[in-house]
Amino acid sequence: MMADHRRPIRARTHPRRGESHGSHADGRARAVYRGGPCPRLPRWLLLVLILAVSPGPRVLAQALGTPDDVVSQAGADFLRGIPVNVVTRGGMVRVGADTALTGFAPGSVRSGSYTSVPLTAAHPFRLLTIDVSAAVPPDGLLAIAVRTALPAGPWTPWTDVPTPTHALIQGPTATRWQYRLSLAADRTADSPQVRQVTIRTTPLPPGYPTTPPPPIQGVSYQVYATREGLVGSVTSNGHRIRPHDHFVALPSDTVLACDGCHDYTVTISYAGRTTTQPVWDVGPWNTANPYWQPPRTPFRALPQGVAAARAAYQKGYQHGRDVFGINGDVELTQERQEN
């Protein structure tokens, strides 16, 4: 059950000379652009190349003179969001002192998250650029994610931002957006310090269709599930577990809803009974395994719909161990005995 962690953003936030900001969160090799003079091309060839390229929404919007919608948040703006074991005083966001949260970075002593309030752009968009100004010590971790939606439509899953500067995210037509910062460190002194977040959305050209996409048809998989228990503990979204609580934990924070929210839900059918519950926790064994989403990452050897935890328990995948280094056979056997 060993998970391939999302690659968190560490202290080095600027590329070497000749490199682009094109790293990928799933571990694929990033694009590297070499320096050097560009060969001269005949003018007629340049014209053919220009005419052959179909302009995207950003090019069309800029050609029509529509500027990007820009929102910057810093200082007191951070007081409006949703903090989970983070401190938003002093004009910046940094990890708090609680050691109960470990979903984002199992190897770190402290972790937390900050989710902005949903904001509405002045124009519909498909392209979003995010810039995060932050100081990240060598022992600190910072991960960034965004999601978008139309006024009456559902939120997209959270999308990991591969780089903190000039990260370009393209998605379905939207008018609303929201970002999430995940921070981790062993000591509070090593916490990342986020000073400012700037979001630019590129307006769609006039007449561009902005109708909501068709409803997403839910997929069904047979999974091995257990009871979480842990009354009094805190989930990845900051919810404190109460007796007889009803919620779901999935092994990825791409569909993690805030405490009390039902943005992402799972319908469970077992022994003739069916219930729909919100996703309020990440885990329990892996934390970066959205096995229901194509394309399959990071466990490409497994088919879509097969959780790494199930493959580890039934077939010894990843030597039967999870992201925490625990053998699933022991954990599941203990769970069965308790039930």
C-alpha atoms as a PDB file:
ATOM      1  CA  MET A   1       0.000   0.000   0.000  1.00  0.00           C
ATOM      2  CA  MET A   2       2.978   2.315  -0.404  1.00  0.00           C
ATOM      3  CA  ALA A   3       1.740   5.509  -2.061  1.00  0.00           C
ATOM      4  CA  ASP A   4       3.683   7.650  -4.470  1.00  0.00           C
ATOM      5  CA  HIS A   5       3.359  11.038  -2.748  1.00  0.00           C
ATOM      6  CA  ARG A   6       2.325  14.085  -4.702  1.00  0.00           C
ATOM      7  CA  ARG A   7       5.503  15.971  -5.188  1.00  0.00           C
ATOM      8  CA  PRO A   8       5.254  18.858  -2.708  1.00  0.00           C
ATOM      9  CA  ILE A   9       6.904  22.148  -3.464  1.00  0.00           C
ATOM     10  CA  ARG A  10      10.094  22.628  -1.517  1.00  0.00           C
ATOM     11  CA  ALA A  11      12.375  25.576  -0.956  1.00  0.00           C
ATOM     12  CA  ARG A  12      13.629  25.842  -4.536  1.00  0.00           C
ATOM     13  CA  THR A  13      10.890  27.682  -6.402  1.00  0.00           C
ATOM     14  CA  HIS A  14      12.833  29.089  -9.364  1.00  0.00           C
ATOM     15  CA  PRO A  15      14.080  27.037 -12.322  1.00  0.00           C
ATOM     16  CA  ARG A  16      17.651  26.878 -13.437  1.00  0.00           C
ATOM     17  CA  ARG A  17      18.599  28.903 -16.450  1.00  0.00           C
ATOM     18  CA  GLY A  18      17.153  27.308 -19.552  1.00  0.00           C
ATOM     19  CA  GLU A  19      14.405  25.439 -17.676  1.00  0.00           C
ATOM     20  CA  SER A  20      10.701  26.119 -17.616  1.00  0.00           C
ATOM     21  CA  HIS A  21       8.242  26.016 -14.721  1.00  0.00           C
ATOM     22  CA  GLY A  22       6.801  22.786 -16.070  1.00  0.00           C
ATOM     23  CA  SER A  23       7.161  20.153 -13.368  1.00  0.00           C
ATOM     24  CA  HIS A  24       4.400  17.591 -12.924  1.00  0.00           C
ATOM     25  CA  ALA A  25       2.912  16.508  -9.609  1.00  0.00           C
ATOM     26  CA  ASP A  26       2.700  12.856 -10.650  1.00  0.00           C
ATOM     27  CA  GLY A  27       6.429  12.409 -11.063  1.00  0.00           C
ATOM     28  CA  ARG A  28       6.685  12.638 -14.870  1.00  0.00           C
ATOM     29  CA  ALA A  29       9.763  14.328 -16.298  1.00  0.00           C
ATOM     30  CA  ARG A  30       9.223  18.044 -16.726  1.00  0.00           C
ATOM     31  CA  ALA A  31       9.850  19.921 -19.951  1.00  0.00           C
ATOM     32  CA  VAL A  32      13.260  21.538 -20.209  1.00  0.00           C
ATOM     33  CA  TYR A  33      13.848  24.310 -22.699  1.00  0.00           C
ATOM     34  CA  ARG A  34      17.410  24.831 -23.798  1.00  0.00           C
ATOM     35  CA  GLY A  35      18.812  28.279 -24.404  1.00  0.00           C
ATOM     36  CA  GLY A  36      20.476  29.382 -27.609  1.00  0.00           C
ATOM     37  CA  PRO A  37      19.779  31.492 -30.693  1.00  0.00           C
ATOM     38  CA  CYS A  38      16.649  30.795 -32.705  1.00  0.00           C
ATOM     39  CA  PRO A  39      17.390  30.064 -36.414  1.00  0.00           C
ATOM     40  CA  ARG A  40      16.074  32.623 -38.857  1.00  0.00           C
ATOM     41  CA  LEU A  41      13.105  31.495 -40.937  1.00  0.00           C
ATOM     42  CA  PRO A  42      11.815  32.997 -44.182  1.00  0.00           C
ATOM     43  CA  ARG A  43       9.011  35.509 -43.668  1.00  0.00           C
ATOM     44  CA  TRP A  44       6.634  33.495 -45.845  1.00  0.00           C
ATOM     45  CA  LEU A  45       7.226  30.420 -43.668  1.00  0.00           C
ATOM     46  CA  LEU A  46       6.575  32.418 -40.490  1.00  0.00           C
ATOM     47  CA  LEU A  47       3.294  33.640 -42.010  1.00  0.00           C
ATOM     48  CA  VAL A  48       2.246  30.088 -42.842  1.00  0.00           C
ATOM     49  CA  LEU A  49       3.080  28.963 -39.320  1.00  0.00           C
ATOM     50  CA  ILE A  50       1.077  31.815 -37.768  1.00  0.00           C
ATOM     51  CA  LEU A  51      -1.962  31.105 -39.963  1.00  0.00           C
ATOM     52  CA  ALA A  52      -1.783  27.384 -39.234  1.00  0.00           C
ATOM     53  CA  VAL A  53      -1.984  27.850 -35.463  1.00  0.00           C
ATOM     54  CA  SER A  54      -5.501  28.018 -34.044  1.00  0.00           C
ATOM     55  CA  PRO A  55      -5.678  30.686 -31.294  1.00  0.00           C
ATOM     56  CA  GLY A  56      -6.900  29.596 -27.915  1.00  0.00           C
ATOM     57  CA  PRO A  57      -9.257  31.486 -25.564  1.00  0.00           C
ATOM     58  CA  ARG A  58      -6.425  33.562 -24.058  1.00  0.00           C
ATOM     59  CA  VAL A  59      -5.176  34.687 -27.497  1.00  0.00           C
ATOM     60  CA  LEU A  60      -8.697  35.559 -28.651  1.00  0.00           C
ATOM     61  CA  ALA A  61      -9.456  37.462 -25.457  1.00  0.00           C
ATOM     62  CA  GLN A  62      -6.232  39.453 -25.662  1.00  0.00           C
ATOM     63  CA  ALA A  63      -6.868  40.184 -29.348  1.00  0.00           C
ATOM     64  CA  LEU A  64     -10.255  41.613 -28.399  1.00  0.00           C
ATOM     65  CA  GLY A  65      -8.621  43.815 -25.777  1.00  0.00           C
ATOM     66  CA  THR A  66     -10.212  42.102 -22.757  1.00  0.00           C
ATOM     67  CA  PRO A  67      -7.737  42.170 -19.858  1.00  0.00           C
ATOM     68  CA  ASP A  68      -7.353  39.321 -17.398  1.00  0.00           C
ATOM     69  CA  ASP A  69      -9.422  39.434 -14.222  1.00  0.00           C
ATOM     70  CA  VAL A  70      -6.892  39.661 -11.380  1.00  0.00           C
ATOM     71  CA  VAL A  71      -7.426  39.035  -7.657  1.00  0.00           C
ATOM     72  CA  SER A  72      -4.600  39.241  -5.112  1.00  0.00           C
ATOM     73  CA  GLN A  73      -4.939  38.118  -1.520  1.00  0.00           C
ATOM     74  CA  ALA A  74      -2.531  39.005   1.272  1.00  0.00           C
ATOM     75  CA  GLY A  75      -2.516  40.093   4.899  1.00  0.00           C
ATOM     76  CA  ALA A  76      -6.030  40.495   6.286  1.00  0.00           C
ATOM     77  CA  ASP A  77      -7.520  38.724   3.230  1.00  0.00           C
ATOM     78  CA  PHE A  78      -6.335  35.423   4.690  1.00  0.00           C
ATOM     79  CA  LEU A  79      -8.618  35.918   7.706  1.00  0.00           C
ATOM     80  CA  ARG A  80     -11.654  35.223   5.495  1.00  0.00           C
ATOM     81  CA  GLY A  81     -10.717  31.683   4.473  1.00  0.00           C
ATOM     82  CA  ILE A  82     -11.028  28.271   6.111  1.00  0.00           C
ATOM     83  CA  PRO A  83      -7.980  27.451   8.276  1.00  0.00           C
ATOM     84  CA  VAL A  84      -7.223  23.909   9.420  1.00  0.00           C
ATOM     85  CA  ASN A  85      -4.268  23.940  11.817  1.00  0.00           C
ATOM     86  CA  VAL A  86      -2.730  26.990  10.199  1.00  0.00           C
ATOM     87  CA  VAL A  87      -2.069  30.456  11.584  1.00  0.00           C
ATOM     88  CA  THR A  88      -3.276  33.391   9.486  1.00  0.00           C
ATOM     89  CA  ARG A  89      -2.128  36.221  11.741  1.00  0.00           C
ATOM     90  CA  GLY A  90       0.818  38.460  10.975  1.00  0.00           C
ATOM     91  CA  GLY A  91      -0.075  38.930   7.316  1.00  0.00           C
ATOM     92  CA  MET A  92       0.813  35.392   6.219  1.00  0.00           C
ATOM     93  CA  VAL A  93      -0.255  31.733   6.372  1.00  0.00           C
ATOM     94  CA  ARG A  94       1.905  29.220   8.258  1.00  0.00           C
ATOM     95  CA  VAL A  95       1.385  25.810   9.855  1.00  0.00           C
ATOM     96  CA  GLY A  96      -0.048  25.586  13.368  1.00  0.00           C
ATOM     97  CA  ALA A  97       1.199  23.693  16.418  1.00  0.00           C
ATOM     98  CA  ASP A  98      -1.312  20.797  16.374  1.00  0.00           C
ATOM     99  CA  THR A  99       0.257  17.407  15.618  1.00  0.00           C
ATOM    100  CA  ALA A 100      -3.020  15.517  15.009  1.00  0.00           C
ATOM    101  CA  LEU A 101      -3.194  16.095  11.231  1.00  0.00           C
ATOM    102  CA  THR A 102      -0.981  13.907   9.037  1.00  0.00           C
ATOM    103  CA  GLY A 103      -3.015  13.336   5.858  1.00  0.00           C
ATOM    104  CA  PHE A 104      -1.110  15.739   3.586  1.00  0.00           C
ATOM    105  CA  ALA A 105       2.418  14.734   4.637  1.00  0.00           C
ATOM    106  CA  PRO A 106       2.566  11.486   6.640  1.00  0.00           C
ATOM    107  CA  GLY A 107       6.294  11.960   7.236  1.00  0.00           C
ATOM    108  CA  SER A 108       5.860  15.364   8.896  1.00  0.00           C
ATOM    109  CA  VAL A 109       4.961  16.052  12.500  1.00  0.00           C
ATOM    110  CA  ARG A 110       2.674  18.999  11.753  1.00  0.00           C
ATOM    111  CA  SER A 111       0.475  19.749   8.770  1.00  0.00           C
ATOM    112  CA  GLY A 112      -2.477  21.955   7.972  1.00  0.00           C
ATOM    113  CA  SER A 113      -4.381  23.605   5.162  1.00  0.00           C
ATOM    114  CA  TYR A 114      -5.869  26.945   4.214  1.00  0.00           C
ATOM    115  CA  THR A 115      -8.804  27.138   1.788  1.00  0.00           C
ATOM    116  CA  SER A 116      -9.833  30.474   0.349  1.00  0.00           C
ATOM    117  CA  VAL A 117     -13.435  31.574   0.186  1.00  0.00           C
ATOM    118  CA  PRO A 118     -15.018  30.943  -3.243  1.00  0.00           C
ATOM    119  CA  LEU A 119     -14.572  33.998  -5.470  1.00  0.00           C
ATOM    120  CA  THR A 120     -16.389  34.963  -8.675  1.00  0.00           C
ATOM    121  CA  ALA A 121     -14.555  36.300 -11.717  1.00  0.00           C
ATOM    122  CA  ALA A 122     -15.932  39.239 -13.674  1.00  0.00           C
ATOM    123  CA  HIS A 123     -16.085  37.133 -16.855  1.00  0.00           C
ATOM    124  CA  PRO A 124     -16.408  33.420 -17.664  1.00  0.00           C
ATOM    125  CA  PHE A 125     -13.040  31.731 -18.155  1.00  0.00           C
ATOM    126  CA  ARG A 126     -11.283  28.471 -18.921  1.00  0.00           C
ATOM    127  CA  LEU A 127      -7.705  29.511 -18.224  1.00  0.00           C
ATOM    128  CA  LEU A 128      -6.464  30.374 -14.740  1.00  0.00           C
ATOM    129  CA  THR A 129      -2.964  31.443 -13.698  1.00  0.00           C
ATOM    130  CA  ILE A 130      -1.850  31.318 -10.070  1.00  0.00           C
ATOM    131  CA  ASP A 131       1.194  32.898  -8.450  1.00  0.00           C
ATOM    132  CA  VAL A 132       2.061  32.198  -4.813  1.00  0.00           C
ATOM    133  CA  SER A 133       4.629  34.306  -2.993  1.00  0.00           C
ATOM    134  CA  ALA A 134       6.028  32.158  -0.192  1.00  0.00           C
ATOM    135  CA  ALA A 135       9.172  31.366   1.758  1.00  0.00           C
ATOM    136  CA  VAL A 136       9.667  27.600   2.040  1.00  0.00           C
ATOM    137  CA  PRO A 137      12.485  26.429   4.362  1.00  0.00           C
ATOM    138  CA  PRO A 138      14.366  23.242   3.403  1.00  0.00           C
ATOM    139  CA  ASP A 139      12.398  21.216   5.967  1.00  0.00           C
ATOM    140  CA  GLY A 140       9.020  22.695   5.057  1.00  0.00           C
ATOM    141  CA  LEU A 141       6.502  21.489   2.474  1.00  0.00           C
ATOM    142  CA  LEU A 142       3.949  23.491   0.493  1.00  0.00           C
ATOM    143  CA  ALA A 143       1.359  22.143  -1.947  1.00  0.00           C
ATOM    144  CA  ILE A 144      -1.165  24.226  -3.881  1.00  0.00           C
ATOM    145  CA  ALA A 145      -4.457  23.181  -5.491  1.00  0.00           C
ATOM    146  CA  VAL A 146      -7.319  24.974  -7.261  1.00  0.00           C
ATOM    147  CA  ARG A 147     -10.846  24.128  -8.362  1.00  0.00           C
ATOM    148  CA  THR A 148     -13.458  25.910 -10.485  1.00  0.00           C
ATOM    149  CA  ALA A 149     -17.222  25.902 -11.049  1.00  0.00           C
ATOM    150  CA  LEU A 150     -20.100  27.623 -12.802  1.00  0.00           C
ATOM    151  CA  PRO A 151     -22.724  29.416 -10.665  1.00  0.00           C
ATOM    152  CA  ALA A 152     -25.170  26.495 -10.731  1.00  0.00           C
ATOM    153  CA  GLY A 153     -22.694  23.732 -11.468  1.00  0.00           C
ATOM    154  CA  PRO A 154     -20.669  21.372  -9.287  1.00  0.00           C
ATOM    155  CA  TRP A 155     -17.047  21.995  -8.362  1.00  0.00           C
ATOM    156  CA  THR A 156     -14.337  20.265 -10.339  1.00  0.00           C
ATOM    157  CA  PRO A 157     -11.975  18.016  -8.370  1.00  0.00           C
ATOM    158  CA  TRP A 158      -9.048  19.835  -6.778  1.00  0.00           C
ATOM    159  CA  THR A 159      -6.189  20.162  -9.288  1.00  0.00           C
ATOM    160  CA  ASP A 160      -2.626  20.154  -8.010  1.00  0.00           C
ATOM    161  CA  VAL A 161      -0.603  23.199  -9.083  1.00  0.00           C
ATOM    162  CA  PRO A 162       2.814  22.008 -10.336  1.00  0.00           C
ATOM    163  CA  THR A 163       4.727  25.204  -9.547  1.00  0.00           C
ATOM    164  CA  PRO A 164       4.072  28.212  -7.286  1.00  0.00           C
ATOM    165  CA  THR A 165       4.816  30.818  -9.996  1.00  0.00           C
ATOM    166  CA  HIS A 166       2.992  31.366 -13.282  1.00  0.00           C
ATOM    167  CA  ALA A 167       1.176  28.033 -13.053  1.00  0.00           C
ATOM    168  CA  LEU A 168      -1.384  27.785 -15.863  1.00  0.00           C
ATOM    169  CA  ILE A 169      -4.480  25.639 -15.244  1.00  0.00           C
ATOM    170  CA  GLN A 170      -6.972  24.918 -18.027  1.00  0.00           C
ATOM    171  CA  GLY A 171     -10.361  23.416 -17.290  1.00  0.00           C
ATOM    172  CA  PRO A 172     -14.043  23.579 -18.207  1.00  0.00           C
ATOM    173  CA  THR A 173     -15.853  26.875 -18.545  1.00  0.00           C
ATOM    174  CA  ALA A 174     -16.254  28.465 -15.097  1.00  0.00           C
ATOM    175  CA  THR A 175     -17.014  31.704 -13.295  1.00  0.00           C
ATOM    176  CA  ARG A 176     -15.981  30.732  -9.741  1.00  0.00           C
ATOM    177  CA  TRP A 177     -12.643  29.601  -8.357  1.00  0.00           C
ATOM    178  CA  GLN A 178     -11.086  28.606  -5.071  1.00  0.00           C
ATOM    179  CA  TYR A 179      -7.547  27.727  -3.999  1.00  0.00           C
ATOM    180  CA  ARG A 180      -6.149  25.551  -1.213  1.00  0.00           C
ATOM    181  CA  LEU A 181      -2.736  25.708   0.462  1.00  0.00           C
ATOM    182  CA  SER A 182      -1.392  22.604   2.239  1.00  0.00           C
ATOM    183  CA  LEU A 183       1.554  23.161   4.579  1.00  0.00           C
ATOM    184  CA  ALA A 184       3.717  20.775   6.604  1.00  0.00           C
ATOM    185  CA  ALA A 185       6.805  20.865   8.803  1.00  0.00           C
ATOM    186  CA  ASP A 186       8.240  19.038  11.784  1.00  0.00           C
ATOM    187  CA  ARG A 187       8.679  22.286  13.712  1.00  0.00           C
ATOM    188  CA  THR A 188       6.618  25.448  13.460  1.00  0.00           C
ATOM    189  CA  ALA A 189       9.866  27.353  12.868  1.00  0.00           C
ATOM    190  CA  ASP A 190      10.335  25.352   9.643  1.00  0.00           C
ATOM    191  CA  SER A 191       6.850  26.095   8.320  1.00  0.00           C
ATOM    192  CA  PRO A 192       6.360  27.645   4.883  1.00  0.00           C
ATOM    193  CA  GLN A 193       5.208  31.249   5.081  1.00  0.00           C
ATOM    194  CA  VAL A 194       2.750  32.262   2.381  1.00  0.00           C
ATOM    195  CA  ARG A 195       2.619  36.019   1.922  1.00  0.00           C
ATOM    196  CA  GLN A 196       0.455  36.539  -1.158  1.00  0.00           C
ATOM    197  CA  VAL A 197      -1.664  34.614  -3.662  1.00  0.00           C
ATOM    198  CA  THR A 198      -2.561  36.116  -7.049  1.00  0.00           C
ATOM    199  CA  ILE A 199      -5.125  34.547  -9.381  1.00  0.00           C
ATOM    200  CA  ARG A 200      -5.557  35.645 -13.006  1.00  0.00           C
ATOM    201  CA  THR A 201      -8.467  34.376 -15.072  1.00  0.00           C
ATOM    202  CA  THR A 202      -8.519  34.934 -18.829  1.00  0.00           C
ATOM    203  CA  PRO A 203     -11.989  36.022 -20.029  1.00  0.00           C
ATOM    204  CA  LEU A 204     -13.597  33.982 -22.776  1.00  0.00           C
ATOM    205  CA  PRO A 205     -14.353  35.900 -25.982  1.00  0.00           C
ATOM    206  CA  PRO A 206     -17.918  37.209 -26.461  1.00  0.00           C
ATOM    207  CA  GLY A 207     -20.255  34.538 -27.751  1.00  0.00           C
ATOM    208  CA  TYR A 208     -18.187  31.680 -26.373  1.00  0.00           C
ATOM    209  CA  PRO A 209     -20.605  29.018 -25.043  1.00  0.00           C
ATOM    210  CA  THR A 210     -20.908  29.069 -21.270  1.00  0.00           C
ATOM    211  CA  THR A 211     -23.571  26.427 -20.807  1.00  0.00           C
ATOM    212  CA  PRO A 212     -22.931  24.015 -17.946  1.00  0.00           C
ATOM    213  CA  PRO A 213     -21.455  20.647 -18.915  1.00  0.00           C
ATOM    214  CA  PRO A 214     -23.749  17.607 -18.703  1.00  0.00           C
ATOM    215  CA  PRO A 215     -24.071  16.091 -15.226  1.00  0.00           C
ATOM    216  CA  ILE A 216     -21.250  13.761 -14.308  1.00  0.00           C
ATOM    217  CA  GLN A 217     -22.370  10.168 -14.227  1.00  0.00           C
ATOM    218  CA  GLY A 218     -21.102   8.516 -11.086  1.00  0.00           C
ATOM    219  CA  VAL A 219     -18.959   5.408 -11.447  1.00  0.00           C
ATOM    220  CA  SER A 220     -19.339   2.321  -9.272  1.00  0.00           C
ATOM    221  CA  TYR A 221     -16.545   0.125  -7.947  1.00  0.00           C
ATOM    222  CA  GLN A 222     -16.369  -2.698  -5.481  1.00  0.00           C
ATOM    223  CA  VAL A 223     -13.927  -1.658  -2.765  1.00  0.00           C
ATOM    224  CA  TYR A 224     -12.684  -3.052   0.536  1.00  0.00           C
ATOM    225  CA  ALA A 225     -13.872  -0.675   3.250  1.00  0.00           C
ATOM    226  CA  THR A 226     -13.491  -0.580   7.010  1.00  0.00           C
ATOM    227  CA  ARG A 227     -14.888   1.438   9.873  1.00  0.00           C
ATOM    228  CA  GLU A 228     -12.726   4.400  10.857  1.00  0.00           C
ATOM    229  CA  GLY A 229     -13.789   4.909  14.475  1.00  0.00           C
ATOM    230  CA  LEU A 230     -11.219   7.183  16.168  1.00  0.00           C
ATOM    231  CA  VAL A 231     -13.822   9.219  18.073  1.00  0.00           C
ATOM    232  CA  GLY A 232     -12.280  12.489  19.231  1.00  0.00           C
ATOM    233  CA  SER A 233      -9.618  12.529  16.505  1.00  0.00           C
ATOM    234  CA  VAL A 234      -9.435  15.164  13.767  1.00  0.00           C
ATOM    235  CA  THR A 235      -9.920  14.379  10.078  1.00  0.00           C
ATOM    236  CA  SER A 236      -7.977  15.915   7.190  1.00  0.00           C
ATOM    237  CA  ASN A 237     -10.534  18.715   6.769  1.00  0.00           C
ATOM    238  CA  GLY A 238     -10.482  19.635  10.476  1.00  0.00           C
ATOM    239  CA  HIS A 239     -13.645  17.766  11.498  1.00  0.00           C
ATOM    240  CA  ARG A 240     -13.510  16.339  15.009  1.00  0.00           C
ATOM    241  CA  ILE A 241     -15.019  12.854  14.945  1.00  0.00           C
ATOM    242  CA  ARG A 242     -18.083  12.367  17.134  1.00  0.00           C
ATOM    243  CA  PRO A 243     -19.876   9.164  18.147  1.00  0.00           C
ATOM    244  CA  HIS A 244     -22.079   7.800  15.340  1.00  0.00           C
ATOM    245  CA  ASP A 245     -20.518  10.186  12.791  1.00  0.00           C
ATOM    246  CA  HIS A 246     -21.195   9.482   9.129  1.00  0.00           C
ATOM    247  CA  PHE A 247     -18.597  10.467   6.522  1.00  0.00           C
ATOM    248  CA  VAL A 248     -16.196   8.853   4.053  1.00  0.00           C
ATOM    249  CA  ALA A 249     -12.398   8.763   3.780  1.00  0.00           C
ATOM    250  CA  LEU A 250     -10.887   8.385   0.307  1.00  0.00           C
ATOM    251  CA  PRO A 251      -7.165   8.002  -0.513  1.00  0.00           C
ATOM    252  CA  SER A 252      -6.815  11.380  -2.240  1.00  0.00           C
ATOM    253  CA  ASP A 253      -7.523  14.995  -1.322  1.00  0.00           C
ATOM    254  CA  THR A 254      -8.683  15.819  -4.877  1.00  0.00           C
ATOM    255  CA  VAL A 255     -12.262  15.298  -3.642  1.00  0.00           C
ATOM    256  CA  LEU A 256     -11.913  16.426  -0.027  1.00  0.00           C
ATOM    257  CA  ALA A 257     -14.825  18.618   1.096  1.00  0.00           C
ATOM    258  CA  CYS A 258     -14.621  21.156   3.897  1.00  0.00           C
ATOM    259  CA  ASP A 259     -16.023  20.364   7.349  1.00  0.00           C
ATOM    260  CA  GLY A 260     -19.815  20.361   7.087  1.00  0.00           C
ATOM    261  CA  CYS A 261     -19.770  20.614   3.267  1.00  0.00           C
ATOM    262  CA  HIS A 262     -21.198  18.110   0.792  1.00  0.00           C
ATOM    263  CA  ASP A 263     -19.338  19.176  -2.356  1.00  0.00           C
ATOM    264  CA  TYR A 264     -18.052  15.614  -2.850  1.00  0.00           C
ATOM    265  CA  THR A 265     -20.045  12.571  -1.767  1.00  0.00           C
ATOM    266  CA  VAL A 266     -19.945   8.789  -2.072  1.00  0.00           C
ATOM    267  CA  THR A 267     -22.972   6.494  -2.284  1.00  0.00           C
ATOM    268  CA  ILE A 268     -22.314   3.237  -0.455  1.00  0.00           C
ATOM    269  CA  SER A 269     -24.350   0.066  -0.943  1.00  0.00           C
ATOM    270  CA  TYR A 270     -23.805  -2.920   1.328  1.00  0.00           C
ATOM    271  CA  ALA A 271     -25.974  -5.793   2.523  1.00  0.00           C
ATOM    272  CA  GLY A 272     -29.103  -4.305   0.953  1.00  0.00           C
ATOM    273  CA  ARG A 273     -28.633  -0.847   2.491  1.00  0.00           C
ATOM    274  CA  THR A 274     -27.599   2.362   0.685  1.00  0.00           C
ATOM    275  CA  THR A 275     -26.383   5.682   2.065  1.00  0.00           C
ATOM    276  CA  THR A 276     -24.729   8.812   0.622  1.00  0.00           C
ATOM    277  CA  GLN A 277     -22.070  10.490   2.753  1.00  0.00           C
ATOM    278  CA  PRO A 278     -19.621  13.410   2.319  1.00  0.00           C
ATOM    279  CA  VAL A 279     -15.861  12.968   1.882  1.00  0.00           C
ATOM    280  CA  TRP A 280     -14.284  14.491   5.000  1.00  0.00           C
ATOM    281  CA  ASP A 281     -11.038  12.570   5.373  1.00  0.00           C
ATOM    282  CA  VAL A 282      -8.030  11.334   3.376  1.00  0.00           C
ATOM    283  CA  GLY A 283      -6.834   7.762   3.798  1.00  0.00           C
ATOM    284  CA  PRO A 284      -6.884   5.529   5.694  1.00  0.00           C
ATOM    285  CA  TRP A 285      -3.893   3.759   4.137  1.00  0.00           C
ATOM    286  CA  ASN A 286      -2.861   5.841   1.123  1.00  0.00           C
ATOM    287  CA  THR A 287      -3.109   9.585   0.565  1.00  0.00           C
ATOM    288  CA  ALA A 288      -2.359  10.068  -3.170  1.00  0.00           C
ATOM    289  CA  ASN A 289      -4.346   7.316  -4.888  1.00  0.00           C
ATOM    290  CA  PRO A 290      -7.411   8.652  -6.780  1.00  0.00           C
ATOM    291  CA  TYR A 291      -8.085   5.235  -8.289  1.00  0.00           C
ATOM    292  CA  TRP A 292     -11.461   6.352  -9.714  1.00  0.00           C
ATOM    293  CA  GLN A 293      -9.999   9.120 -11.920  1.00  0.00           C
ATOM    294  CA  PRO A 294      -8.454   8.641 -15.372  1.00  0.00           C
ATOM    295  CA  PRO A 295      -5.623   8.774 -16.223  1.00  0.00           C
ATOM    296  CA  ARG A 296      -4.404   6.439 -13.529  1.00  0.00           C
ATOM    297  CA  THR A 297      -1.608   7.991 -11.441  1.00  0.00           C
ATOM    298  CA  PRO A 298       0.602   7.214  -9.699  1.00  0.00           C
ATOM    299  CA  PHE A 299      -0.064   3.439  -9.705  1.00  0.00           C
ATOM    300  CA  ARG A 300      -0.187   2.965 -13.476  1.00  0.00           C
ATOM    301  CA  ALA A 301       0.207  -0.807 -13.180  1.00  0.00           C
ATOM    302  CA  LEU A 302      -3.237  -1.089 -11.589  1.00  0.00           C
ATOM    303  CA  PRO A 303      -6.457  -0.796 -13.594  1.00  0.00           C
ATOM    304  CA  GLN A 304      -8.817   2.081 -12.937  1.00  0.00           C
ATOM    305  CA  GLY A 305     -11.129   1.326 -10.036  1.00  0.00           C
ATOM    306  CA  VAL A 306      -8.674  -0.866  -8.116  1.00  0.00           C
ATOM    307  CA  ALA A 307      -7.380   0.825  -4.979  1.00  0.00           C
ATOM    308  CA  ALA A 308      -3.716   0.304  -4.147  1.00  0.00           C
ATOM    309  CA  ALA A 309      -4.715  -0.725  -0.618  1.00  0.00           C
ATOM    310  CA  ARG A 310      -6.915  -3.516  -1.960  1.00  0.00           C
ATOM    311  CA  ALA A 311      -4.181  -4.710  -4.353  1.00  0.00           C
ATOM    312  CA  ALA A 312      -1.657  -4.649  -1.508  1.00  0.00           C
ATOM    313  CA  TYR A 313      -3.877  -6.696   0.793  1.00  0.00           C
ATOM    314  CA  GLN A 314      -5.058  -9.235  -1.772  1.00  0.00           C
ATOM    315  CA  LYS A 315      -2.024  -9.529  -4.067  1.00  0.00           C
ATOM    316  CA  GLY A 316       0.925  -8.143  -2.105  1.00  0.00           C
ATOM    317  CA  TYR A 317       1.187  -5.045  -4.309  1.00  0.00           C
ATOM    318  CA  GLN A 318       3.942  -2.667  -3.106  1.00  0.00           C
ATOM    319  CA  HIS A 319       5.002  -5.427  -0.682  1.00  0.00           C
ATOM    320  CA  GLY A 320       1.680  -5.047   1.109  1.00  0.00           C
ATOM    321  CA  ARG A 321       2.598  -1.720   2.679  1.00  0.00           C
ATOM    322  CA  ASP A 322       0.831   1.633   2.728  1.00  0.00           C
ATOM    323  CA  VAL A 323       2.039   5.228   2.664  1.00  0.00           C
ATOM    324  CA  PHE A 324       2.820   5.051   6.372  1.00  0.00           C
ATOM    325  CA  GLY A 325       4.981   1.934   5.919  1.00  0.00           C
ATOM    326  CA  ILE A 326       2.433  -0.267   7.697  1.00  0.00           C
ATOM    327  CA  ASN A 327       1.662  -3.759   6.454  1.00  0.00           C
ATOM    328  CA  GLY A 328      -1.995  -3.957   5.433  1.00  0.00           C
ATOM    329  CA  ASP A 329      -2.365  -7.605   6.449  1.00  0.00           C
ATOM    330  CA  VAL A 330      -1.750  -6.676  10.078  1.00  0.00           C
ATOM    331  CA  GLU A 331      -4.053  -3.664  10.014  1.00  0.00           C
ATOM    332  CA  LEU A 332      -6.949  -5.413   8.280  1.00  0.00           C
ATOM    333  CA  THR A 333      -6.674  -8.476  10.487  1.00  0.00           C
ATOM    334  CA  GLN A 334      -6.840  -6.252  13.561  1.00  0.00           C
ATOM    335  CA  GLU A 335      -9.862  -4.432  12.082  1.00  0.00           C
ATOM    336  CA  ARG A 336     -11.680  -7.697  11.536  1.00  0.00           C
ATOM    337  CA  GLN A 337     -11.007  -8.780  15.112  1.00  0.00           C
ATOM    338  CA  GLU A 338     -12.365  -5.467  16.459  1.00  0.00           C
ATOM    339  CA  ASN A 339     -15.530  -5.798  14.389  1.00  0.00           C
END
